[in-house]
Amino acid sequence: ADQPLTVKIQVLNVDPDASYDFILNMCEAEWWNGEMENLRCPSIQ
């Protein structure tokens, strides 16, 4: 009963005034390839 709750984030060097950022929201997108196979985000390389 002695461990804290944590909030851990990474701040990227992007435009903070952007209305929408496609990198910060990349895993909100649906990704697929030319074979119409769904891909995980981030994907296995």
PDB file of all heavy atoms in Angstrom:
ATOM      1  N   ALA A   1       0.832  -1.219   0.000  1.00  0.00           N
ATOM      2  CA  ALA A   1       0.000   0.000   0.000  1.00  0.00           C
ATOM      3  C   ALA A   1       0.860   1.260   0.000  1.00  0.00           C
ATOM      4  O   ALA A   1       0.456   2.295   0.538  1.00  0.00           O
ATOM      5  CB  ALA A   1      -0.947   0.000   1.209  1.00  0.00           C
ATOM      6  N   ASP A   2       2.033   1.178  -0.625  1.00  0.00           N
ATOM      7  CA  ASP A   2       2.975   2.296  -0.587  1.00  0.00           C
ATOM      8  C   ASP A   2       3.434   2.761  -1.970  1.00  0.00           C
ATOM      9  O   ASP A   2       4.385   3.525  -2.078  1.00  0.00           O
ATOM     10  CB  ASP A   2       4.203   1.928   0.255  1.00  0.00           C
ATOM     11  CG  ASP A   2       4.897   0.670  -0.253  1.00  0.00           C
ATOM     12  OD1 ASP A   2       4.393   0.067  -1.224  1.00  0.00           O
ATOM     13  OD2 ASP A   2       5.927   0.278   0.327  1.00  0.00           O
ATOM     14  N   GLN A   3       2.758   2.273  -3.032  1.00  0.00           N
ATOM     15  CA  GLN A   3       3.139   2.664  -4.386  1.00  0.00           C
ATOM     16  C   GLN A   3       2.170   3.715  -4.919  1.00  0.00           C
ATOM     17  O   GLN A   3       0.960   3.639  -4.694  1.00  0.00           O
ATOM     18  CB  GLN A   3       3.150   1.448  -5.315  1.00  0.00           C
ATOM     19  CG  GLN A   3       4.162   0.386  -4.914  1.00  0.00           C
ATOM     20  CD  GLN A   3       5.577   0.932  -4.885  1.00  0.00           C
ATOM     21  OE1 GLN A   3       6.034   1.546  -5.849  1.00  0.00           O
ATOM     22  NE2 GLN A   3       6.267   0.731  -3.779  1.00  0.00           N
ATOM     23  N   PRO A   4       2.697   4.703  -5.656  1.00  0.00           N
ATOM     24  CA  PRO A   4       1.828   5.779  -6.139  1.00  0.00           C
ATOM     25  C   PRO A   4       1.081   5.408  -7.413  1.00  0.00           C
ATOM     26  O   PRO A   4       1.461   4.494  -8.145  1.00  0.00           O
ATOM     27  CB  PRO A   4       2.817   6.915  -6.410  1.00  0.00           C
ATOM     28  CG  PRO A   4       4.073   6.204  -6.824  1.00  0.00           C
ATOM     29  CD  PRO A   4       4.123   4.948  -5.972  1.00  0.00           C
ATOM     30  N   LEU A   5       0.026   6.132  -7.676  1.00  0.00           N
ATOM     31  CA  LEU A   5      -0.600   6.131  -8.988  1.00  0.00           C
ATOM     32  C   LEU A   5       0.241   7.036  -9.886  1.00  0.00           C
ATOM     33  O   LEU A   5       0.778   8.047  -9.421  1.00  0.00           O
ATOM     34  CB  LEU A   5      -2.034   6.654  -8.907  1.00  0.00           C
ATOM     35  CG  LEU A   5      -2.987   5.839  -8.037  1.00  0.00           C
ATOM     36  CD1 LEU A   5      -4.268   6.628  -7.780  1.00  0.00           C
ATOM     37  CD2 LEU A   5      -3.317   4.510  -8.710  1.00  0.00           C
ATOM     38  N   THR A   6       0.370   6.701 -11.166  1.00  0.00           N
ATOM     39  CA  THR A   6       1.243   7.481 -12.039  1.00  0.00           C
ATOM     40  C   THR A   6       0.502   7.965 -13.275  1.00  0.00           C
ATOM     41  O   THR A   6      -0.426   7.315 -13.759  1.00  0.00           O
ATOM     42  CB  THR A   6       2.464   6.663 -12.496  1.00  0.00           C
ATOM     43  OG1 THR A   6       2.025   5.526 -13.240  1.00  0.00           O
ATOM     44  CG2 THR A   6       3.295   6.206 -11.308  1.00  0.00           C
ATOM     45  N   VAL A   7       0.954   9.122 -13.756  1.00  0.00           N
ATOM     46  CA  VAL A   7       0.553   9.618 -15.056  1.00  0.00           C
ATOM     47  C   VAL A   7       1.851   9.849 -15.819  1.00  0.00           C
ATOM     48  O   VAL A   7       2.706  10.627 -15.402  1.00  0.00           O
ATOM     49  CB  VAL A   7      -0.288  10.914 -14.969  1.00  0.00           C
ATOM     50  CG1 VAL A   7       0.347  11.946 -14.061  1.00  0.00           C
ATOM     51  CG2 VAL A   7      -0.534  11.476 -16.352  1.00  0.00           C
ATOM     52  N   LYS A   8       2.012   9.105 -16.930  1.00  0.00           N
ATOM     53  CA  LYS A   8       3.255   9.150 -17.701  1.00  0.00           C
ATOM     54  C   LYS A   8       2.920   9.496 -19.145  1.00  0.00           C
ATOM     55  O   LYS A   8       2.191   8.764 -19.815  1.00  0.00           O
ATOM     56  CB  LYS A   8       3.983   7.810 -17.639  1.00  0.00           C
ATOM     57  CG  LYS A   8       5.313   7.791 -18.378  1.00  0.00           C
ATOM     58  CD  LYS A   8       5.997   6.435 -18.214  1.00  0.00           C
ATOM     59  CE  LYS A   8       7.343   6.420 -18.945  1.00  0.00           C
ATOM     60  NZ  LYS A   8       8.030   5.105 -18.781  1.00  0.00           N
ATOM     61  N   ILE A   9       3.447  10.613 -19.617  1.00  0.00           N
ATOM     62  CA  ILE A   9       3.162  11.046 -20.985  1.00  0.00           C
ATOM     63  C   ILE A   9       4.463  11.395 -21.690  1.00  0.00           C
ATOM     64  O   ILE A   9       5.513  11.578 -21.058  1.00  0.00           O
ATOM     65  CB  ILE A   9       2.226  12.267 -21.005  1.00  0.00           C
ATOM     66  CG1 ILE A   9       2.928  13.486 -20.385  1.00  0.00           C
ATOM     67  CG2 ILE A   9       0.918  11.967 -20.298  1.00  0.00           C
ATOM     68  CD1 ILE A   9       2.185  14.784 -20.608  1.00  0.00           C
ATOM     69  N   GLN A  10       4.374  11.498 -23.029  1.00  0.00           N
ATOM     70  CA  GLN A  10       5.502  11.970 -23.827  1.00  0.00           C
ATOM     71  C   GLN A  10       5.039  13.173 -24.631  1.00  0.00           C
ATOM     72  O   GLN A  10       4.052  13.105 -25.375  1.00  0.00           O
ATOM     73  CB  GLN A  10       6.033  10.891 -24.763  1.00  0.00           C
ATOM     74  CG  GLN A  10       7.241  11.365 -25.560  1.00  0.00           C
ATOM     75  CD  GLN A  10       7.962  10.245 -26.275  1.00  0.00           C
ATOM     76  OE1 GLN A  10       7.597   9.072 -26.120  1.00  0.00           O
ATOM     77  NE2 GLN A  10       8.981  10.584 -27.037  1.00  0.00           N
ATOM     78  N   VAL A  11       5.744  14.277 -24.447  1.00  0.00           N
ATOM     79  CA  VAL A  11       5.435  15.498 -25.180  1.00  0.00           C
ATOM     80  C   VAL A  11       6.279  15.527 -26.448  1.00  0.00           C
ATOM     81  O   VAL A  11       7.508  15.452 -26.386  1.00  0.00           O
ATOM     82  CB  VAL A  11       5.705  16.743 -24.314  1.00  0.00           C
ATOM     83  CG1 VAL A  11       5.401  18.011 -25.098  1.00  0.00           C
ATOM     84  CG2 VAL A  11       4.870  16.696 -23.037  1.00  0.00           C
ATOM     85  N   LEU A  12       5.600  15.596 -27.580  1.00  0.00           N
ATOM     86  CA  LEU A  12       6.292  15.614 -28.868  1.00  0.00           C
ATOM     87  C   LEU A  12       6.504  17.049 -29.346  1.00  0.00           C
ATOM     88  O   LEU A  12       5.766  17.975 -28.974  1.00  0.00           O
ATOM     89  CB  LEU A  12       5.484  14.844 -29.911  1.00  0.00           C
ATOM     90  CG  LEU A  12       5.245  13.360 -29.634  1.00  0.00           C
ATOM     91  CD1 LEU A  12       4.416  12.744 -30.754  1.00  0.00           C
ATOM     92  CD2 LEU A  12       6.561  12.614 -29.471  1.00  0.00           C
ATOM     93  N   ASN A  13       7.497  17.186 -30.198  1.00  0.00           N
ATOM     94  CA  ASN A  13       7.815  18.500 -30.759  1.00  0.00           C
ATOM     95  C   ASN A  13       6.925  18.758 -31.971  1.00  0.00           C
ATOM     96  O   ASN A  13       7.357  18.702 -33.124  1.00  0.00           O
ATOM     97  CB  ASN A  13       9.287  18.561 -31.155  1.00  0.00           C
ATOM     98  CG  ASN A  13       9.728  19.961 -31.529  1.00  0.00           C
ATOM     99  OD1 ASN A  13       9.047  20.938 -31.234  1.00  0.00           O
ATOM    100  ND2 ASN A  13      10.866  20.064 -32.189  1.00  0.00           N
ATOM    101  N   VAL A  14       5.656  19.007 -31.691  1.00  0.00           N
ATOM    102  CA  VAL A  14       4.686  19.292 -32.743  1.00  0.00           C
ATOM    103  C   VAL A  14       4.050  20.648 -32.461  1.00  0.00           C
ATOM    104  O   VAL A  14       4.285  21.263 -31.413  1.00  0.00           O
ATOM    105  CB  VAL A  14       3.605  18.189 -32.823  1.00  0.00           C
ATOM    106  CG1 VAL A  14       4.235  16.847 -33.197  1.00  0.00           C
ATOM    107  CG2 VAL A  14       2.857  18.060 -31.499  1.00  0.00           C
ATOM    108  N   ASP A  15       3.234  21.091 -33.399  1.00  0.00           N
ATOM    109  CA  ASP A  15       2.607  22.408 -33.281  1.00  0.00           C
ATOM    110  C   ASP A  15       1.499  22.368 -32.231  1.00  0.00           C
ATOM    111  O   ASP A  15       0.463  21.723 -32.444  1.00  0.00           O
ATOM    112  CB  ASP A  15       2.044  22.820 -34.640  1.00  0.00           C
ATOM    113  CG  ASP A  15       1.481  24.232 -34.642  1.00  0.00           C
ATOM    114  OD1 ASP A  15       1.473  24.873 -33.564  1.00  0.00           O
ATOM    115  OD2 ASP A  15       1.033  24.684 -35.704  1.00  0.00           O
ATOM    116  N   PRO A  16       1.688  23.018 -31.082  1.00  0.00           N
ATOM    117  CA  PRO A  16       0.650  22.971 -30.041  1.00  0.00           C
ATOM    118  C   PRO A  16      -0.617  23.721 -30.429  1.00  0.00           C
ATOM    119  O   PRO A  16      -1.664  23.528 -29.798  1.00  0.00           O
ATOM    120  CB  PRO A  16       1.336  23.638 -28.849  1.00  0.00           C
ATOM    121  CG  PRO A  16       2.368  24.514 -29.445  1.00  0.00           C
ATOM    122  CD  PRO A  16       2.847  23.831 -30.684  1.00  0.00           C
ATOM    123  N   ASP A  17      -0.532  24.547 -31.459  1.00  0.00           N
ATOM    124  CA  ASP A  17      -1.706  25.311 -31.886  1.00  0.00           C
ATOM    125  C   ASP A  17      -2.488  24.607 -32.999  1.00  0.00           C
ATOM    126  O   ASP A  17      -3.467  25.170 -33.518  1.00  0.00           O
ATOM    127  CB  ASP A  17      -1.278  26.707 -32.371  1.00  0.00           C
ATOM    128  CG  ASP A  17      -0.645  27.523 -31.246  1.00  0.00           C
ATOM    129  OD1 ASP A  17      -1.117  27.379 -30.090  1.00  0.00           O
ATOM    130  OD2 ASP A  17       0.308  28.273 -31.516  1.00  0.00           O
ATOM    131  N   ALA A  18      -2.062  23.404 -33.362  1.00  0.00           N
ATOM    132  CA  ALA A  18      -2.759  22.686 -34.423  1.00  0.00           C
ATOM    133  C   ALA A  18      -4.168  22.301 -33.975  1.00  0.00           C
ATOM    134  O   ALA A  18      -4.397  21.935 -32.819  1.00  0.00           O
ATOM    135  CB  ALA A  18      -1.982  21.442 -34.815  1.00  0.00           C
ATOM    136  N   SER A  19      -5.108  22.410 -34.910  1.00  0.00           N
ATOM    137  CA  SER A  19      -6.481  22.012 -34.606  1.00  0.00           C
ATOM    138  C   SER A  19      -6.594  20.487 -34.514  1.00  0.00           C
ATOM    139  O   SER A  19      -7.425  19.967 -33.754  1.00  0.00           O
ATOM    140  CB  SER A  19      -7.432  22.532 -35.688  1.00  0.00           C
ATOM    141  OG  SER A  19      -7.377  23.946 -35.765  1.00  0.00           O
ATOM    142  N   TYR A  20      -5.781  19.787 -35.294  1.00  0.00           N
ATOM    143  CA  TYR A  20      -5.796  18.319 -35.273  1.00  0.00           C
ATOM    144  C   TYR A  20      -4.421  17.824 -35.691  1.00  0.00           C
ATOM    145  O   TYR A  20      -3.852  18.300 -36.679  1.00  0.00           O
ATOM    146  CB  TYR A  20      -6.863  17.765 -36.225  1.00  0.00           C
ATOM    147  CG  TYR A  20      -7.132  16.294 -36.042  1.00  0.00           C
ATOM    148  CD1 TYR A  20      -7.989  15.854 -35.045  1.00  0.00           C
ATOM    149  CD2 TYR A  20      -6.518  15.346 -36.863  1.00  0.00           C
ATOM    150  CE1 TYR A  20      -8.250  14.489 -34.870  1.00  0.00           C
ATOM    151  CE2 TYR A  20      -6.767  13.984 -36.693  1.00  0.00           C
ATOM    152  CZ  TYR A  20      -7.626  13.569 -35.688  1.00  0.00           C
ATOM    153  OH  TYR A  20      -7.872  12.229 -35.500  1.00  0.00           O
ATOM    154  N   ASP A  21      -3.884  16.852 -34.913  1.00  0.00           N
ATOM    155  CA  ASP A  21      -2.560  16.304 -35.211  1.00  0.00           C
ATOM    156  C   ASP A  21      -2.713  14.827 -35.587  1.00  0.00           C
ATOM    157  O   ASP A  21      -3.236  14.027 -34.800  1.00  0.00           O
ATOM    158  CB  ASP A  21      -1.643  16.463 -34.003  1.00  0.00           C
ATOM    159  CG  ASP A  21      -0.188  16.185 -34.334  1.00  0.00           C
ATOM    160  OD1 ASP A  21       0.129  15.002 -34.597  1.00  0.00           O
ATOM    161  OD2 ASP A  21       0.624  17.122 -34.337  1.00  0.00           O
ATOM    162  N   PHE A  22      -2.210  14.457 -36.767  1.00  0.00           N
ATOM    163  CA  PHE A  22      -2.383  13.095 -37.272  1.00  0.00           C
ATOM    164  C   PHE A  22      -1.419  12.101 -36.628  1.00  0.00           C
ATOM    165  O   PHE A  22      -1.681  10.897 -36.658  1.00  0.00           O
ATOM    166  CB  PHE A  22      -2.211  13.086 -38.796  1.00  0.00           C
ATOM    167  CG  PHE A  22      -3.354  13.732 -39.533  1.00  0.00           C
ATOM    168  CD1 PHE A  22      -3.447  15.123 -39.631  1.00  0.00           C
ATOM    169  CD2 PHE A  22      -4.347  12.972 -40.122  1.00  0.00           C
ATOM    170  CE1 PHE A  22      -4.500  15.727 -40.304  1.00  0.00           C
ATOM    171  CE2 PHE A  22      -5.414  13.569 -40.799  1.00  0.00           C
ATOM    172  CZ  PHE A  22      -5.491  14.954 -40.892  1.00  0.00           C
ATOM    173  N   ILE A  23      -0.316  12.583 -36.051  1.00  0.00           N
ATOM    174  CA  ILE A  23       0.598  11.680 -35.340  1.00  0.00           C
ATOM    175  C   ILE A  23       0.059  11.379 -33.944  1.00  0.00           C
ATOM    176  O   ILE A  23       0.011  10.220 -33.518  1.00  0.00           O
ATOM    177  CB  ILE A  23       2.013  12.279 -35.259  1.00  0.00           C
ATOM    178  CG1 ILE A  23       2.636  12.306 -36.656  1.00  0.00           C
ATOM    179  CG2 ILE A  23       2.885  11.459 -34.306  1.00  0.00           C
ATOM    180  CD1 ILE A  23       4.046  12.874 -36.690  1.00  0.00           C
ATOM    181  N   LEU A  24      -0.365  12.415 -33.237  1.00  0.00           N
ATOM    182  CA  LEU A  24      -0.881  12.205 -31.881  1.00  0.00           C
ATOM    183  C   LEU A  24      -2.126  11.323 -31.892  1.00  0.00           C
ATOM    184  O   LEU A  24      -2.410  10.624 -30.920  1.00  0.00           O
ATOM    185  CB  LEU A  24      -1.196  13.547 -31.229  1.00  0.00           C
ATOM    186  CG  LEU A  24       0.000  14.492 -31.017  1.00  0.00           C
ATOM    187  CD1 LEU A  24      -0.473  15.810 -30.414  1.00  0.00           C
ATOM    188  CD2 LEU A  24       1.047  13.846 -30.133  1.00  0.00           C
ATOM    189  N   ASN A  25      -2.853  11.344 -32.987  1.00  0.00           N
ATOM    190  CA  ASN A  25      -4.089  10.567 -33.098  1.00  0.00           C
ATOM    191  C   ASN A  25      -3.953   9.388 -34.057  1.00  0.00           C
ATOM    192  O   ASN A  25      -4.965   8.843 -34.520  1.00  0.00           O
ATOM    193  CB  ASN A  25      -5.228  11.479 -33.568  1.00  0.00           C
ATOM    194  CG  ASN A  25      -5.574  12.539 -32.552  1.00  0.00           C
ATOM    195  OD1 ASN A  25      -6.219  12.274 -31.542  1.00  0.00           O
ATOM    196  ND2 ASN A  25      -5.130  13.764 -32.813  1.00  0.00           N
ATOM    197  N   MET A  26      -2.720   8.963 -34.335  1.00  0.00           N
ATOM    198  CA  MET A  26      -2.524   7.934 -35.371  1.00  0.00           C
ATOM    199  C   MET A  26      -3.215   6.619 -35.019  1.00  0.00           C
ATOM    200  O   MET A  26      -3.700   5.915 -35.917  1.00  0.00           O
ATOM    201  CB  MET A  26      -1.033   7.690 -35.616  1.00  0.00           C
ATOM    202  CG  MET A  26      -0.289   7.005 -34.499  1.00  0.00           C
ATOM    203  SD  MET A  26       1.420   6.643 -34.984  1.00  0.00           S
ATOM    204  CE  MET A  26       1.977   5.709 -33.548  1.00  0.00           C
ATOM    205  N   CYS A  27      -3.288   6.267 -33.748  1.00  0.00           N
ATOM    206  CA  CYS A  27      -3.907   4.981 -33.389  1.00  0.00           C
ATOM    207  C   CYS A  27      -5.415   5.094 -33.208  1.00  0.00           C
ATOM    208  O   CYS A  27      -6.080   4.113 -32.863  1.00  0.00           O
ATOM    209  CB  CYS A  27      -3.236   4.401 -32.157  1.00  0.00           C
ATOM    210  SG  CYS A  27      -1.552   3.824 -32.492  1.00  0.00           S
ATOM    211  N   GLU A  28      -5.956   6.302 -33.447  1.00  0.00           N
ATOM    212  CA  GLU A  28      -7.402   6.455 -33.540  1.00  0.00           C
ATOM    213  C   GLU A  28      -7.872   6.116 -34.950  1.00  0.00           C
ATOM    214  O   GLU A  28      -9.078   5.938 -35.185  1.00  0.00           O
ATOM    215  CB  GLU A  28      -7.807   7.893 -33.188  1.00  0.00           C
ATOM    216  CG  GLU A  28      -7.451   8.319 -31.769  1.00  0.00           C
ATOM    217  CD  GLU A  28      -8.195   7.508 -30.733  1.00  0.00           C
ATOM    218  OE1 GLU A  28      -9.379   7.180 -30.967  1.00  0.00           O
ATOM    219  OE2 GLU A  28      -7.598   7.200 -29.681  1.00  0.00           O
ATOM    220  N   ALA A  29      -6.927   6.030 -35.877  1.00  0.00           N
ATOM    221  CA  ALA A  29      -7.267   5.746 -37.275  1.00  0.00           C
ATOM    222  C   ALA A  29      -7.381   4.246 -37.514  1.00  0.00           C
ATOM    223  O   ALA A  29      -6.853   3.427 -36.750  1.00  0.00           O
ATOM    224  CB  ALA A  29      -6.212   6.349 -38.200  1.00  0.00           C
ATOM    225  N   GLU A  30      -8.063   3.883 -38.600  1.00  0.00           N
ATOM    226  CA  GLU A  30      -8.145   2.499 -39.059  1.00  0.00           C
ATOM    227  C   GLU A  30      -7.090   2.319 -40.148  1.00  0.00           C
ATOM    228  O   GLU A  30      -7.119   3.012 -41.171  1.00  0.00           O
ATOM    229  CB  GLU A  30      -9.540   2.209 -39.628  1.00  0.00           C
ATOM    230  CG  GLU A  30     -10.671   2.419 -38.636  1.00  0.00           C
ATOM    231  CD  GLU A  30     -12.036   2.388 -39.316  1.00  0.00           C
ATOM    232  OE1 GLU A  30     -12.089   2.050 -40.531  1.00  0.00           O
ATOM    233  OE2 GLU A  30     -13.032   2.712 -38.651  1.00  0.00           O
ATOM    234  N   TRP A  31      -6.164   1.367 -39.947  1.00  0.00           N
ATOM    235  CA  TRP A  31      -5.070   1.170 -40.889  1.00  0.00           C
ATOM    236  C   TRP A  31      -5.226  -0.169 -41.608  1.00  0.00           C
ATOM    237  O   TRP A  31      -5.596  -1.173 -40.998  1.00  0.00           O
ATOM    238  CB  TRP A  31      -3.725   1.220 -40.156  1.00  0.00           C
ATOM    239  CG  TRP A  31      -3.381   2.588 -39.645  1.00  0.00           C
ATOM    240  CD1 TRP A  31      -3.668   3.092 -38.410  1.00  0.00           C
ATOM    241  CD2 TRP A  31      -2.717   3.621 -40.360  1.00  0.00           C
ATOM    242  NE1 TRP A  31      -3.216   4.384 -38.292  1.00  0.00           N
ATOM    243  CE2 TRP A  31      -2.616   4.745 -39.489  1.00  0.00           C
ATOM    244  CE3 TRP A  31      -2.174   3.728 -41.638  1.00  0.00           C
ATOM    245  CZ2 TRP A  31      -2.019   5.938 -39.859  1.00  0.00           C
ATOM    246  CZ3 TRP A  31      -1.568   4.918 -42.014  1.00  0.00           C
ATOM    247  CH2 TRP A  31      -1.500   6.012 -41.135  1.00  0.00           C
ATOM    248  N   TRP A  32      -4.911  -0.186 -42.928  1.00  0.00           N
ATOM    249  CA  TRP A  32      -4.946  -1.421 -43.704  1.00  0.00           C
ATOM    250  C   TRP A  32      -3.913  -1.330 -44.831  1.00  0.00           C
ATOM    251  O   TRP A  32      -3.349  -0.264 -45.100  1.00  0.00           O
ATOM    252  CB  TRP A  32      -6.351  -1.678 -44.253  1.00  0.00           C
ATOM    253  CG  TRP A  32      -6.806  -0.727 -45.329  1.00  0.00           C
ATOM    254  CD1 TRP A  32      -6.723  -0.904 -46.679  1.00  0.00           C
ATOM    255  CD2 TRP A  32      -7.431   0.548 -45.151  1.00  0.00           C
ATOM    256  NE1 TRP A  32      -7.246   0.169 -47.362  1.00  0.00           N
ATOM    257  CE2 TRP A  32      -7.701   1.074 -46.438  1.00  0.00           C
ATOM    258  CE3 TRP A  32      -7.801   1.295 -44.018  1.00  0.00           C
ATOM    259  CZ2 TRP A  32      -8.307   2.314 -46.633  1.00  0.00           C
ATOM    260  CZ3 TRP A  32      -8.406   2.528 -44.228  1.00  0.00           C
ATOM    261  CH2 TRP A  32      -8.651   3.031 -45.508  1.00  0.00           C
ATOM    262  N   ASN A  33      -3.654  -2.460 -45.458  1.00  0.00           N
ATOM    263  CA  ASN A  33      -2.653  -2.495 -46.534  1.00  0.00           C
ATOM    264  C   ASN A  33      -3.299  -2.798 -47.885  1.00  0.00           C
ATOM    265  O   ASN A  33      -4.528  -2.890 -47.993  1.00  0.00           O
ATOM    266  CB  ASN A  33      -1.540  -3.499 -46.222  1.00  0.00           C
ATOM    267  CG  ASN A  33      -2.054  -4.930 -46.127  1.00  0.00           C
ATOM    268  OD1 ASN A  33      -3.170  -5.242 -46.557  1.00  0.00           O
ATOM    269  ND2 ASN A  33      -1.245  -5.814 -45.568  1.00  0.00           N
ATOM    270  N   GLY A  34      -2.445  -2.966 -48.924  1.00  0.00           N
ATOM    271  CA  GLY A  34      -2.944  -3.201 -50.273  1.00  0.00           C
ATOM    272  C   GLY A  34      -3.658  -4.517 -50.451  1.00  0.00           C
ATOM    273  O   GLY A  34      -4.340  -4.721 -51.459  1.00  0.00           O
ATOM    274  N   GLU A  35      -3.518  -5.431 -49.510  1.00  0.00           N
ATOM    275  CA  GLU A  35      -4.254  -6.693 -49.536  1.00  0.00           C
ATOM    276  C   GLU A  35      -5.538  -6.603 -48.723  1.00  0.00           C
ATOM    277  O   GLU A  35      -6.190  -7.608 -48.464  1.00  0.00           O
ATOM    278  CB  GLU A  35      -3.369  -7.824 -48.980  1.00  0.00           C
ATOM    279  CG  GLU A  35      -2.070  -8.046 -49.740  1.00  0.00           C
ATOM    280  CD  GLU A  35      -2.317  -8.552 -51.150  1.00  0.00           C
ATOM    281  OE1 GLU A  35      -3.349  -9.238 -51.356  1.00  0.00           O
ATOM    282  OE2 GLU A  35      -1.500  -8.267 -52.043  1.00  0.00           O
ATOM    283  N   MET A  36      -5.887  -5.400 -48.312  1.00  0.00           N
ATOM    284  CA  MET A  36      -7.078  -5.131 -47.487  1.00  0.00           C
ATOM    285  C   MET A  36      -7.016  -5.849 -46.145  1.00  0.00           C
ATOM    286  O   MET A  36      -8.046  -6.226 -45.570  1.00  0.00           O
ATOM    287  CB  MET A  36      -8.367  -5.504 -48.236  1.00  0.00           C
ATOM    288  CG  MET A  36      -8.562  -4.743 -49.542  1.00  0.00           C
ATOM    289  SD  MET A  36      -8.544  -2.930 -49.300  1.00  0.00           S
ATOM    290  CE  MET A  36     -10.015  -2.693 -48.329  1.00  0.00           C
ATOM    291  N   GLU A  37      -5.796  -6.029 -45.635  1.00  0.00           N
ATOM    292  CA  GLU A  37      -5.606  -6.622 -44.306  1.00  0.00           C
ATOM    293  C   GLU A  37      -5.514  -5.497 -43.281  1.00  0.00           C
ATOM    294  O   GLU A  37      -4.778  -4.522 -43.480  1.00  0.00           O
ATOM    295  CB  GLU A  37      -4.319  -7.453 -44.270  1.00  0.00           C
ATOM    296  CG  GLU A  37      -4.328  -8.639 -45.201  1.00  0.00           C
ATOM    297  CD  GLU A  37      -2.971  -9.324 -45.257  1.00  0.00           C
ATOM    298  OE1 GLU A  37      -1.947  -8.617 -45.390  1.00  0.00           O
ATOM    299  OE2 GLU A  37      -2.944 -10.573 -45.173  1.00  0.00           O
ATOM    300  N   ASN A  38      -6.228  -5.627 -42.184  1.00  0.00           N
ATOM    301  CA  ASN A  38      -6.160  -4.626 -41.129  1.00  0.00           C
ATOM    302  C   ASN A  38      -4.814  -4.718 -40.419  1.00  0.00           C
ATOM    303  O   ASN A  38      -4.294  -5.806 -40.181  1.00  0.00           O
ATOM    304  CB  ASN A  38      -7.290  -4.823 -40.115  1.00  0.00           C
ATOM    305  CG  ASN A  38      -8.656  -4.523 -40.713  1.00  0.00           C
ATOM    306  OD1 ASN A  38      -8.785  -3.633 -41.565  1.00  0.00           O
ATOM    307  ND2 ASN A  38      -9.671  -5.254 -40.273  1.00  0.00           N
ATOM    308  N   LEU A  39      -4.269  -3.572 -40.057  1.00  0.00           N
ATOM    309  CA  LEU A  39      -2.974  -3.491 -39.388  1.00  0.00           C
ATOM    310  C   LEU A  39      -3.140  -2.908 -37.998  1.00  0.00           C
ATOM    311  O   LEU A  39      -3.984  -2.031 -37.764  1.00  0.00           O
ATOM    312  CB  LEU A  39      -1.995  -2.623 -40.198  1.00  0.00           C
ATOM    313  CG  LEU A  39      -1.699  -3.080 -41.627  1.00  0.00           C
ATOM    314  CD1 LEU A  39      -0.795  -2.062 -42.328  1.00  0.00           C
ATOM    315  CD2 LEU A  39      -1.053  -4.462 -41.625  1.00  0.00           C
ATOM    316  N   ARG A  40      -2.325  -3.405 -37.087  1.00  0.00           N
ATOM    317  CA  ARG A  40      -2.319  -2.861 -35.724  1.00  0.00           C
ATOM    318  C   ARG A  40      -1.636  -1.506 -35.720  1.00  0.00           C
ATOM    319  O   ARG A  40      -0.906  -1.152 -36.651  1.00  0.00           O
ATOM    320  CB  ARG A  40      -1.586  -3.809 -34.776  1.00  0.00           C
ATOM    321  CG  ARG A  40      -2.252  -5.151 -34.602  1.00  0.00           C
ATOM    322  CD  ARG A  40      -1.389  -6.080 -33.781  1.00  0.00           C
ATOM    323  NE  ARG A  40      -1.050  -5.502 -32.486  1.00  0.00           N
ATOM    324  CZ  ARG A  40      -0.204  -6.045 -31.613  1.00  0.00           C
ATOM    325  NH1 ARG A  40       0.389  -7.191 -31.915  1.00  0.00           N
ATOM    326  NH2 ARG A  40       0.032  -5.469 -30.464  1.00  0.00           N
ATOM    327  N   CYS A  41      -1.878  -0.737 -34.671  1.00  0.00           N
ATOM    328  CA  CYS A  41      -1.217   0.556 -34.515  1.00  0.00           C
ATOM    329  C   CYS A  41      -0.677   0.679 -33.091  1.00  0.00           C
ATOM    330  O   CYS A  41      -1.440   0.556 -32.130  1.00  0.00           O
ATOM    331  CB  CYS A  41      -2.183   1.694 -34.789  1.00  0.00           C
ATOM    332  SG  CYS A  41      -1.451   3.336 -34.580  1.00  0.00           S
ATOM    333  N   PRO A  42       0.644   0.923 -32.955  1.00  0.00           N
ATOM    334  CA  PRO A  42       1.620   0.848 -34.042  1.00  0.00           C
ATOM    335  C   PRO A  42       1.764  -0.587 -34.521  1.00  0.00           C
ATOM    336  O   PRO A  42       1.566  -1.526 -33.758  1.00  0.00           O
ATOM    337  CB  PRO A  42       2.904   1.377 -33.410  1.00  0.00           C
ATOM    338  CG  PRO A  42       2.734   1.091 -31.953  1.00  0.00           C
ATOM    339  CD  PRO A  42       1.276   1.231 -31.658  1.00  0.00           C
ATOM    340  N   SER A  43       2.124  -0.749 -35.804  1.00  0.00           N
ATOM    341  CA  SER A  43       2.182  -2.079 -36.403  1.00  0.00           C
ATOM    342  C   SER A  43       3.505  -2.764 -36.104  1.00  0.00           C
ATOM    343  O   SER A  43       4.513  -2.119 -35.799  1.00  0.00           O
ATOM    344  CB  SER A  43       2.021  -1.979 -37.923  1.00  0.00           C
ATOM    345  OG  SER A  43       0.879  -1.225 -38.254  1.00  0.00           O
ATOM    346  N   ILE A  44       3.486  -4.088 -36.220  1.00  0.00           N
ATOM    347  CA  ILE A  44       4.732  -4.845 -36.211  1.00  0.00           C
ATOM    348  C   ILE A  44       5.478  -4.515 -37.497  1.00  0.00           C
ATOM    349  O   ILE A  44       4.900  -4.509 -38.589  1.00  0.00           O
ATOM    350  CB  ILE A  44       4.448  -6.357 -36.130  1.00  0.00           C
ATOM    351  CG1 ILE A  44       3.702  -6.676 -34.829  1.00  0.00           C
ATOM    352  CG2 ILE A  44       5.732  -7.161 -36.235  1.00  0.00           C
ATOM    353  CD1 ILE A  44       3.235  -8.111 -34.745  1.00  0.00           C
ATOM    354  N   GLN A  45       6.746  -4.193 -37.374  1.00  0.00           N
ATOM    355  CA  GLN A  45       7.519  -3.755 -38.540  1.00  0.00           C
ATOM    356  C   GLN A  45       7.810  -4.950 -39.451  1.00  0.00           C
ATOM    357  O   GLN A  45       8.765  -5.691 -39.241  1.00  0.00           O
ATOM    358  CB  GLN A  45       8.796  -3.064 -38.091  1.00  0.00           C
ATOM    359  CG  GLN A  45       8.517  -1.768 -37.333  1.00  0.00           C
ATOM    360  CD  GLN A  45       9.784  -1.071 -36.888  1.00  0.00           C
ATOM    361  OE1 GLN A  45      10.879  -1.467 -37.237  1.00  0.00           O
ATOM    362  NE2 GLN A  45       9.623  -0.014 -36.093  1.00  0.00           N
TER     363      GLN A  45
END
